[in-house]
């Protein structure tokens, strides 16, 4: 997949997410303030992409940094009670933690092969969550190229 294809796909996903975010203004958050689910998802996607690139570059230190950024974003998503009348937070809490914990453990152990497999499992859990919340058209992929102005090598 070329960089142009990735950028085009990313743009389409962002547009879809922004459209989804405005379908129902009553996104409820456990803290009772309204949140933009698309923005929460965008942040998780952004750091998950960077995490994947750090893992591919075998940069465990950087992967350790990004896993915590993803974790912060997931915690926010877990706090979303409903979106479009669907239990987003509860669904994510049922699907994401096992794969995420395995990735965190692999990074802590600096086990490169396990990190790659666990990262793939996290991406698959994102897609399972999207399917479970009627958003299966939002498909997350393992990143193949680096669109960022950043060097991921150790």
N, C-alpha and C. Protein backbone atom coordinates (compact mmCIF):
# COMPACT_ATOMS: atom_id res chain seq x y z
N UNK A 1 0.86 -1.16 0.00
CA UNK A 1 0.00 0.00 0.00
C UNK A 1 0.91 1.23 0.00
N UNK A 2 0.65 2.14 -0.89
CA UNK A 2 1.48 3.34 -0.99
C UNK A 2 1.10 4.35 0.09
N UNK A 3 1.99 5.32 0.30
CA UNK A 3 1.72 6.37 1.27
C UNK A 3 0.46 7.13 0.86
N UNK A 4 0.28 7.35 -0.42
CA UNK A 4 -0.91 8.04 -0.92
C UNK A 4 -2.17 7.27 -0.55
N UNK A 5 -2.15 5.93 -0.72
CA UNK A 5 -3.31 5.10 -0.37
C UNK A 5 -3.59 5.17 1.13
N UNK A 6 -2.53 5.14 1.94
CA UNK A 6 -2.72 5.20 3.39
C UNK A 6 -3.30 6.54 3.80
N UNK A 7 -2.77 7.62 3.23
CA UNK A 7 -3.29 8.94 3.56
C UNK A 7 -4.74 9.09 3.13
N UNK A 8 -5.07 8.54 1.96
CA UNK A 8 -6.45 8.60 1.48
C UNK A 8 -7.36 7.80 2.40
N UNK A 9 -6.93 6.60 2.77
CA UNK A 9 -7.72 5.77 3.68
C UNK A 9 -7.91 6.46 5.02
N UNK A 10 -6.83 7.04 5.55
CA UNK A 10 -6.90 7.74 6.83
C UNK A 10 -7.87 8.91 6.74
N UNK A 11 -7.82 9.65 5.65
CA UNK A 11 -8.72 10.79 5.48
C UNK A 11 -10.17 10.34 5.45
N UNK A 12 -10.43 9.23 4.77
CA UNK A 12 -11.80 8.72 4.69
C UNK A 12 -12.28 8.29 6.07
N UNK A 13 -11.42 7.59 6.82
CA UNK A 13 -11.80 7.14 8.16
C UNK A 13 -12.09 8.35 9.06
N UNK A 14 -11.25 9.37 8.99
CA UNK A 14 -11.48 10.57 9.81
C UNK A 14 -12.81 11.22 9.43
N UNK A 15 -13.09 11.31 8.15
CA UNK A 15 -14.36 11.89 7.71
C UNK A 15 -15.53 11.05 8.20
N UNK A 16 -15.40 9.73 8.11
CA UNK A 16 -16.46 8.86 8.61
C UNK A 16 -16.64 9.03 10.10
N UNK A 17 -15.53 9.08 10.82
CA UNK A 17 -15.61 9.25 12.28
C UNK A 17 -16.27 10.58 12.62
N UNK A 18 -15.90 11.63 11.93
CA UNK A 18 -16.50 12.93 12.20
C UNK A 18 -17.99 12.89 11.90
N UNK A 19 -18.38 12.20 10.84
CA UNK A 19 -19.80 12.06 10.53
C UNK A 19 -20.52 11.28 11.61
N UNK A 20 -19.86 10.23 12.10
CA UNK A 20 -20.47 9.42 13.17
C UNK A 20 -20.62 10.24 14.44
N UNK A 21 -19.65 11.07 14.73
CA UNK A 21 -19.68 11.83 15.97
C UNK A 21 -20.86 12.80 16.00
N UNK A 22 -21.32 13.18 14.83
CA UNK A 22 -22.41 14.16 14.80
C UNK A 22 -23.78 13.52 14.58
N UNK A 23 -23.83 12.17 14.51
CA UNK A 23 -25.10 11.49 14.36
C UNK A 23 -25.97 11.68 15.59
N UNK A 24 -25.37 11.64 16.74
CA UNK A 24 -26.12 11.69 17.98
C UNK A 24 -25.36 12.56 18.96
N UNK A 25 -25.89 13.72 19.25
CA UNK A 25 -25.19 14.65 20.14
C UNK A 25 -25.23 14.20 21.59
N UNK A 26 -25.98 13.14 21.88
CA UNK A 26 -26.12 12.71 23.27
C UNK A 26 -25.14 11.58 23.60
N UNK A 27 -23.88 11.84 23.44
CA UNK A 27 -22.86 10.90 23.87
C UNK A 27 -22.71 11.10 25.36
N UNK A 28 -23.02 10.07 26.13
CA UNK A 28 -22.91 10.26 27.56
C UNK A 28 -21.62 9.65 28.08
N UNK A 29 -21.03 10.33 28.98
CA UNK A 29 -19.76 9.95 29.58
C UNK A 29 -20.00 9.79 31.07
N UNK A 30 -19.32 8.85 31.67
CA UNK A 30 -19.58 8.59 33.09
C UNK A 30 -19.33 9.81 33.96
N UNK A 31 -18.52 10.75 33.49
CA UNK A 31 -18.30 11.98 34.23
C UNK A 31 -19.41 12.98 33.96
N UNK A 32 -20.40 12.59 33.17
CA UNK A 32 -21.59 13.35 32.83
C UNK A 32 -21.35 14.49 31.84
N UNK A 33 -20.11 14.80 31.49
CA UNK A 33 -19.91 15.78 30.44
C UNK A 33 -20.02 15.06 29.10
N UNK A 34 -20.43 15.78 28.08
CA UNK A 34 -20.51 15.18 26.76
C UNK A 34 -19.13 15.15 26.13
N UNK A 35 -18.86 14.10 25.39
CA UNK A 35 -17.56 13.93 24.75
C UNK A 35 -17.77 13.67 23.27
N UNK A 36 -16.76 13.98 22.48
CA UNK A 36 -16.74 13.65 21.06
C UNK A 36 -16.06 12.30 20.93
N UNK A 37 -16.82 11.26 20.70
CA UNK A 37 -16.26 9.92 20.59
C UNK A 37 -15.24 9.84 19.46
N UNK A 38 -15.52 10.50 18.36
CA UNK A 38 -14.58 10.46 17.23
C UNK A 38 -13.21 11.02 17.62
N UNK A 39 -13.19 12.05 18.46
CA UNK A 39 -11.91 12.61 18.89
C UNK A 39 -11.17 11.65 19.81
N UNK A 40 -11.90 10.98 20.69
CA UNK A 40 -11.27 9.98 21.55
C UNK A 40 -10.68 8.85 20.69
N UNK A 41 -11.44 8.38 19.73
CA UNK A 41 -10.98 7.31 18.85
C UNK A 41 -9.79 7.77 18.00
N UNK A 42 -9.84 9.02 17.56
CA UNK A 42 -8.74 9.55 16.75
C UNK A 42 -7.44 9.52 17.55
N UNK A 43 -7.50 9.92 18.80
CA UNK A 43 -6.30 9.91 19.64
C UNK A 43 -5.78 8.50 19.85
N UNK A 44 -6.67 7.56 20.11
CA UNK A 44 -6.24 6.17 20.30
C UNK A 44 -5.64 5.65 19.00
N UNK A 45 -6.27 5.94 17.87
CA UNK A 45 -5.74 5.49 16.58
C UNK A 45 -4.36 6.08 16.31
N UNK A 46 -4.20 7.35 16.58
CA UNK A 46 -2.93 8.05 16.36
C UNK A 46 -1.80 7.39 17.16
N UNK A 47 -2.02 7.18 18.45
CA UNK A 47 -0.97 6.60 19.28
C UNK A 47 -0.80 5.10 19.02
N UNK A 48 -1.86 4.42 18.63
CA UNK A 48 -1.74 3.01 18.28
C UNK A 48 -0.90 2.85 17.01
N UNK A 49 -1.08 3.74 16.07
CA UNK A 49 -0.27 3.73 14.84
C UNK A 49 1.21 3.94 15.19
N UNK A 50 1.49 4.94 16.01
CA UNK A 50 2.87 5.20 16.41
C UNK A 50 3.45 4.03 17.21
N UNK A 51 2.63 3.42 18.03
CA UNK A 51 3.05 2.25 18.79
C UNK A 51 3.46 1.13 17.84
N UNK A 52 2.67 0.89 16.83
CA UNK A 52 2.98 -0.14 15.84
C UNK A 52 4.29 0.13 15.13
N UNK A 53 4.54 1.38 14.78
CA UNK A 53 5.79 1.73 14.11
C UNK A 53 6.99 1.57 15.05
N UNK A 54 6.80 1.89 16.31
CA UNK A 54 7.88 1.69 17.29
C UNK A 54 8.19 0.21 17.45
N UNK A 55 7.17 -0.62 17.49
CA UNK A 55 7.37 -2.07 17.60
C UNK A 55 8.07 -2.59 16.36
N UNK A 56 7.63 -2.16 15.18
CA UNK A 56 8.25 -2.61 13.93
C UNK A 56 9.72 -2.20 13.87
N UNK A 57 10.05 -1.06 14.45
CA UNK A 57 11.44 -0.58 14.46
C UNK A 57 12.25 -1.19 15.61
N UNK A 58 11.60 -2.06 16.39
CA UNK A 58 12.25 -2.71 17.54
C UNK A 58 12.74 -1.70 18.58
N UNK A 59 11.96 -0.64 18.74
CA UNK A 59 12.29 0.41 19.71
C UNK A 59 11.39 0.22 20.93
N UNK A 60 11.85 -0.63 21.83
CA UNK A 60 11.05 -0.98 23.01
C UNK A 60 10.80 0.22 23.91
N UNK A 61 11.78 1.08 24.04
CA UNK A 61 11.62 2.26 24.89
C UNK A 61 10.49 3.16 24.36
N UNK A 62 10.48 3.37 23.06
CA UNK A 62 9.43 4.20 22.46
C UNK A 62 8.08 3.48 22.51
N UNK A 63 8.07 2.16 22.30
CA UNK A 63 6.84 1.39 22.41
C UNK A 63 6.26 1.50 23.81
N UNK A 64 7.14 1.46 24.81
CA UNK A 64 6.69 1.60 26.20
C UNK A 64 6.05 2.97 26.43
N UNK A 65 6.60 4.00 25.81
CA UNK A 65 6.02 5.33 25.92
C UNK A 65 4.62 5.36 25.28
N UNK A 66 4.50 4.83 24.06
CA UNK A 66 3.23 4.92 23.35
C UNK A 66 2.16 3.99 23.92
N UNK A 67 2.54 2.87 24.51
CA UNK A 67 1.52 1.99 25.09
C UNK A 67 0.76 2.72 26.19
N UNK A 68 1.47 3.58 26.92
CA UNK A 68 0.80 4.33 28.00
C UNK A 68 -0.10 5.43 27.43
N UNK A 69 0.27 5.99 26.30
CA UNK A 69 -0.60 6.98 25.65
C UNK A 69 -1.89 6.31 25.16
N UNK A 70 -1.74 5.11 24.58
CA UNK A 70 -2.92 4.37 24.13
C UNK A 70 -3.80 4.01 25.33
N UNK A 71 -3.16 3.59 26.40
CA UNK A 71 -3.90 3.22 27.61
C UNK A 71 -4.73 4.39 28.14
N UNK A 72 -4.16 5.58 28.14
CA UNK A 72 -4.91 6.76 28.59
C UNK A 72 -6.14 6.99 27.71
N UNK A 73 -5.97 6.83 26.42
CA UNK A 73 -7.10 7.00 25.50
C UNK A 73 -8.17 5.94 25.70
N UNK A 74 -7.73 4.71 25.91
CA UNK A 74 -8.69 3.63 26.15
C UNK A 74 -9.48 3.87 27.43
N UNK A 75 -8.80 4.37 28.46
CA UNK A 75 -9.51 4.66 29.71
C UNK A 75 -10.62 5.67 29.48
N UNK A 76 -10.37 6.65 28.63
CA UNK A 76 -11.41 7.64 28.31
C UNK A 76 -12.57 6.97 27.57
N UNK A 77 -12.25 6.09 26.64
CA UNK A 77 -13.29 5.40 25.88
C UNK A 77 -14.09 4.49 26.81
N UNK A 78 -13.42 3.83 27.75
CA UNK A 78 -14.14 2.99 28.71
C UNK A 78 -15.16 3.80 29.50
N UNK A 79 -14.92 5.09 29.63
CA UNK A 79 -15.82 5.95 30.38
C UNK A 79 -17.01 6.45 29.59
N UNK A 80 -17.08 6.13 28.30
CA UNK A 80 -18.23 6.55 27.49
C UNK A 80 -19.37 5.57 27.75
N UNK A 81 -20.42 6.06 28.36
CA UNK A 81 -21.56 5.18 28.68
C UNK A 81 -22.25 4.70 27.41
N UNK A 82 -22.74 5.66 26.63
CA UNK A 82 -23.44 5.29 25.40
C UNK A 82 -23.07 6.25 24.28
N UNK A 83 -23.19 5.74 23.09
CA UNK A 83 -23.07 6.54 21.89
C UNK A 83 -24.04 5.95 20.89
N UNK A 84 -24.89 6.76 20.36
CA UNK A 84 -25.90 6.28 19.41
C UNK A 84 -26.68 5.11 20.02
N UNK A 85 -26.92 5.22 21.33
CA UNK A 85 -27.67 4.24 22.13
C UNK A 85 -26.96 2.90 22.26
N UNK A 86 -25.66 2.87 22.04
CA UNK A 86 -24.87 1.65 22.17
C UNK A 86 -23.91 1.78 23.36
N UNK A 87 -23.70 0.71 24.11
CA UNK A 87 -22.82 0.76 25.29
C UNK A 87 -21.34 0.69 24.91
N UNK A 88 -20.80 1.77 24.42
CA UNK A 88 -19.43 1.79 23.90
C UNK A 88 -18.40 1.41 24.97
N UNK A 89 -18.43 2.08 26.10
CA UNK A 89 -17.43 1.84 27.14
C UNK A 89 -17.46 0.42 27.65
N UNK A 90 -18.64 -0.08 27.95
CA UNK A 90 -18.76 -1.45 28.46
C UNK A 90 -18.32 -2.47 27.42
N UNK A 91 -18.66 -2.23 26.17
CA UNK A 91 -18.25 -3.15 25.11
C UNK A 91 -16.73 -3.15 24.97
N UNK A 92 -16.14 -1.96 24.96
CA UNK A 92 -14.68 -1.87 24.85
C UNK A 92 -13.99 -2.55 26.04
N UNK A 93 -14.56 -2.39 27.23
CA UNK A 93 -13.97 -3.01 28.43
C UNK A 93 -14.04 -4.53 28.38
N UNK A 94 -15.00 -5.08 27.65
CA UNK A 94 -15.09 -6.53 27.52
C UNK A 94 -14.12 -7.07 26.47
N UNK A 95 -13.81 -6.27 25.47
CA UNK A 95 -13.03 -6.75 24.33
C UNK A 95 -11.55 -6.39 24.41
N UNK A 96 -11.23 -5.20 24.83
CA UNK A 96 -9.86 -4.68 24.70
C UNK A 96 -8.84 -5.12 25.75
N UNK A 97 -9.19 -5.22 27.02
CA UNK A 97 -8.16 -5.39 28.06
C UNK A 97 -7.24 -6.61 27.92
N UNK A 98 -7.76 -7.75 27.50
CA UNK A 98 -6.93 -8.95 27.41
C UNK A 98 -5.80 -8.76 26.40
N UNK A 99 -6.15 -8.32 25.21
CA UNK A 99 -5.14 -8.11 24.16
C UNK A 99 -4.18 -7.00 24.57
N UNK A 100 -4.72 -5.96 25.14
CA UNK A 100 -3.89 -4.82 25.55
C UNK A 100 -2.91 -5.23 26.64
N UNK A 101 -3.36 -6.01 27.62
CA UNK A 101 -2.47 -6.46 28.70
C UNK A 101 -1.36 -7.35 28.17
N UNK A 102 -1.68 -8.21 27.20
CA UNK A 102 -0.66 -9.08 26.60
C UNK A 102 0.41 -8.24 25.90
N UNK A 103 -0.02 -7.18 25.22
CA UNK A 103 0.95 -6.30 24.56
C UNK A 103 1.80 -5.57 25.58
N UNK A 104 1.17 -5.07 26.62
CA UNK A 104 1.91 -4.37 27.67
C UNK A 104 2.96 -5.30 28.30
N UNK A 105 2.57 -6.55 28.56
CA UNK A 105 3.51 -7.52 29.14
C UNK A 105 4.66 -7.83 28.19
N UNK A 106 4.37 -7.96 26.91
CA UNK A 106 5.42 -8.23 25.92
C UNK A 106 6.41 -7.07 25.83
N UNK A 107 5.88 -5.85 25.90
CA UNK A 107 6.76 -4.68 25.87
C UNK A 107 7.61 -4.64 27.12
N UNK A 108 7.00 -4.88 28.28
CA UNK A 108 7.76 -4.89 29.53
C UNK A 108 8.87 -5.94 29.51
N UNK A 109 8.59 -7.08 28.86
CA UNK A 109 9.57 -8.17 28.78
C UNK A 109 10.57 -7.96 27.64
N UNK A 110 10.35 -6.93 26.83
CA UNK A 110 11.19 -6.64 25.66
C UNK A 110 11.26 -7.85 24.71
N UNK A 111 10.14 -8.55 24.60
CA UNK A 111 10.03 -9.74 23.76
C UNK A 111 9.50 -9.33 22.38
N UNK A 112 10.41 -9.09 21.45
CA UNK A 112 10.04 -8.51 20.15
C UNK A 112 9.00 -9.33 19.40
N UNK A 113 9.19 -10.63 19.30
CA UNK A 113 8.23 -11.45 18.56
C UNK A 113 6.86 -11.42 19.23
N UNK A 114 6.86 -11.49 20.56
CA UNK A 114 5.59 -11.42 21.30
C UNK A 114 4.94 -10.05 21.13
N UNK A 115 5.75 -8.98 21.07
CA UNK A 115 5.19 -7.63 20.88
C UNK A 115 4.46 -7.55 19.55
N UNK A 116 5.07 -8.06 18.50
CA UNK A 116 4.45 -8.00 17.17
C UNK A 116 3.14 -8.78 17.13
N UNK A 117 3.13 -9.98 17.71
CA UNK A 117 1.91 -10.79 17.74
C UNK A 117 0.84 -10.12 18.60
N UNK A 118 1.24 -9.60 19.74
CA UNK A 118 0.28 -8.96 20.64
C UNK A 118 -0.26 -7.67 20.03
N UNK A 119 0.58 -6.95 19.28
CA UNK A 119 0.10 -5.74 18.61
C UNK A 119 -0.98 -6.10 17.60
N UNK A 120 -0.74 -7.16 16.83
CA UNK A 120 -1.74 -7.62 15.86
C UNK A 120 -3.05 -7.97 16.58
N UNK A 121 -2.94 -8.60 17.74
CA UNK A 121 -4.14 -8.96 18.51
C UNK A 121 -4.88 -7.71 18.99
N UNK A 122 -4.15 -6.66 19.35
CA UNK A 122 -4.80 -5.41 19.75
C UNK A 122 -5.56 -4.81 18.57
N UNK A 123 -4.94 -4.80 17.41
CA UNK A 123 -5.61 -4.27 16.21
C UNK A 123 -6.87 -5.08 15.92
N UNK A 124 -6.77 -6.41 16.04
CA UNK A 124 -7.94 -7.26 15.82
C UNK A 124 -9.03 -6.98 16.86
N UNK A 125 -8.64 -6.70 18.10
CA UNK A 125 -9.64 -6.40 19.13
C UNK A 125 -10.33 -5.07 18.84
N UNK A 126 -9.61 -4.11 18.29
CA UNK A 126 -10.24 -2.85 17.87
C UNK A 126 -11.34 -3.14 16.85
N UNK A 127 -11.02 -3.98 15.88
CA UNK A 127 -12.00 -4.30 14.84
C UNK A 127 -13.18 -5.11 15.40
N UNK A 128 -12.92 -6.00 16.37
CA UNK A 128 -14.02 -6.74 17.01
C UNK A 128 -14.95 -5.77 17.75
N UNK A 129 -14.35 -4.79 18.41
CA UNK A 129 -15.15 -3.80 19.13
C UNK A 129 -15.99 -2.97 18.15
N UNK A 130 -15.39 -2.56 17.04
CA UNK A 130 -16.14 -1.82 16.03
C UNK A 130 -17.31 -2.66 15.52
N UNK A 131 -17.06 -3.95 15.26
CA UNK A 131 -18.13 -4.84 14.80
C UNK A 131 -19.23 -4.95 15.85
N UNK A 132 -18.84 -5.10 17.10
CA UNK A 132 -19.82 -5.28 18.18
C UNK A 132 -20.67 -4.05 18.41
N UNK A 133 -20.17 -2.89 17.99
CA UNK A 133 -20.92 -1.64 18.19
C UNK A 133 -21.46 -1.09 16.87
N UNK A 134 -21.67 -1.98 15.93
CA UNK A 134 -22.27 -1.64 14.63
C UNK A 134 -21.46 -0.63 13.83
N UNK A 135 -20.14 -0.65 14.00
CA UNK A 135 -19.26 0.23 13.24
C UNK A 135 -18.17 -0.59 12.55
N UNK A 136 -18.54 -1.77 12.07
CA UNK A 136 -17.59 -2.66 11.43
C UNK A 136 -16.95 -2.09 10.18
N UNK A 137 -17.55 -1.05 9.62
CA UNK A 137 -16.96 -0.40 8.45
C UNK A 137 -15.70 0.39 8.81
N UNK A 138 -15.45 0.60 10.11
CA UNK A 138 -14.22 1.25 10.56
C UNK A 138 -13.20 0.15 10.86
N UNK A 139 -12.31 -0.12 9.90
CA UNK A 139 -11.35 -1.21 10.03
C UNK A 139 -9.95 -0.66 10.28
N UNK A 140 -9.38 -1.07 11.40
CA UNK A 140 -8.03 -0.66 11.77
C UNK A 140 -7.05 -1.65 11.14
N UNK A 141 -5.93 -1.13 10.66
CA UNK A 141 -4.89 -1.96 10.05
C UNK A 141 -3.57 -1.79 10.80
N UNK A 142 -2.72 -2.79 10.68
CA UNK A 142 -1.35 -2.66 11.19
C UNK A 142 -0.64 -1.71 10.23
N UNK A 143 0.03 -0.67 10.75
CA UNK A 143 0.67 0.30 9.86
C UNK A 143 1.84 -0.32 9.08
N UNK A 144 1.93 0.07 7.81
CA UNK A 144 3.01 -0.43 6.97
C UNK A 144 4.02 0.65 6.62
N UNK A 145 3.60 1.90 6.74
CA UNK A 145 4.50 3.01 6.40
C UNK A 145 4.44 4.06 7.50
N UNK A 146 5.41 4.95 7.46
CA UNK A 146 5.52 6.01 8.46
C UNK A 146 5.13 7.36 7.85
N UNK A 147 3.91 7.83 8.13
CA UNK A 147 3.52 9.14 7.60
C UNK A 147 3.92 10.29 8.52
N UNK A 148 4.58 9.98 9.62
CA UNK A 148 4.92 10.99 10.61
C UNK A 148 6.32 11.56 10.37
N UNK A 149 6.53 12.74 10.80
CA UNK A 149 7.84 13.39 10.74
C UNK A 149 8.61 12.96 11.99
N UNK A 150 8.85 11.65 12.09
CA UNK A 150 9.48 11.09 13.29
C UNK A 150 10.27 9.84 12.91
N UNK A 151 11.43 9.68 13.53
CA UNK A 151 12.25 8.50 13.38
C UNK A 151 11.90 7.54 14.52
N UNK A 152 11.51 6.32 14.19
CA UNK A 152 11.09 5.36 15.20
C UNK A 152 12.20 4.39 15.59
N UNK A 153 13.35 4.49 14.98
CA UNK A 153 14.43 3.56 15.30
C UNK A 153 15.05 3.89 16.65
N UNK A 154 15.57 2.86 17.36
CA UNK A 154 16.18 3.12 18.66
C UNK A 154 17.50 3.88 18.54
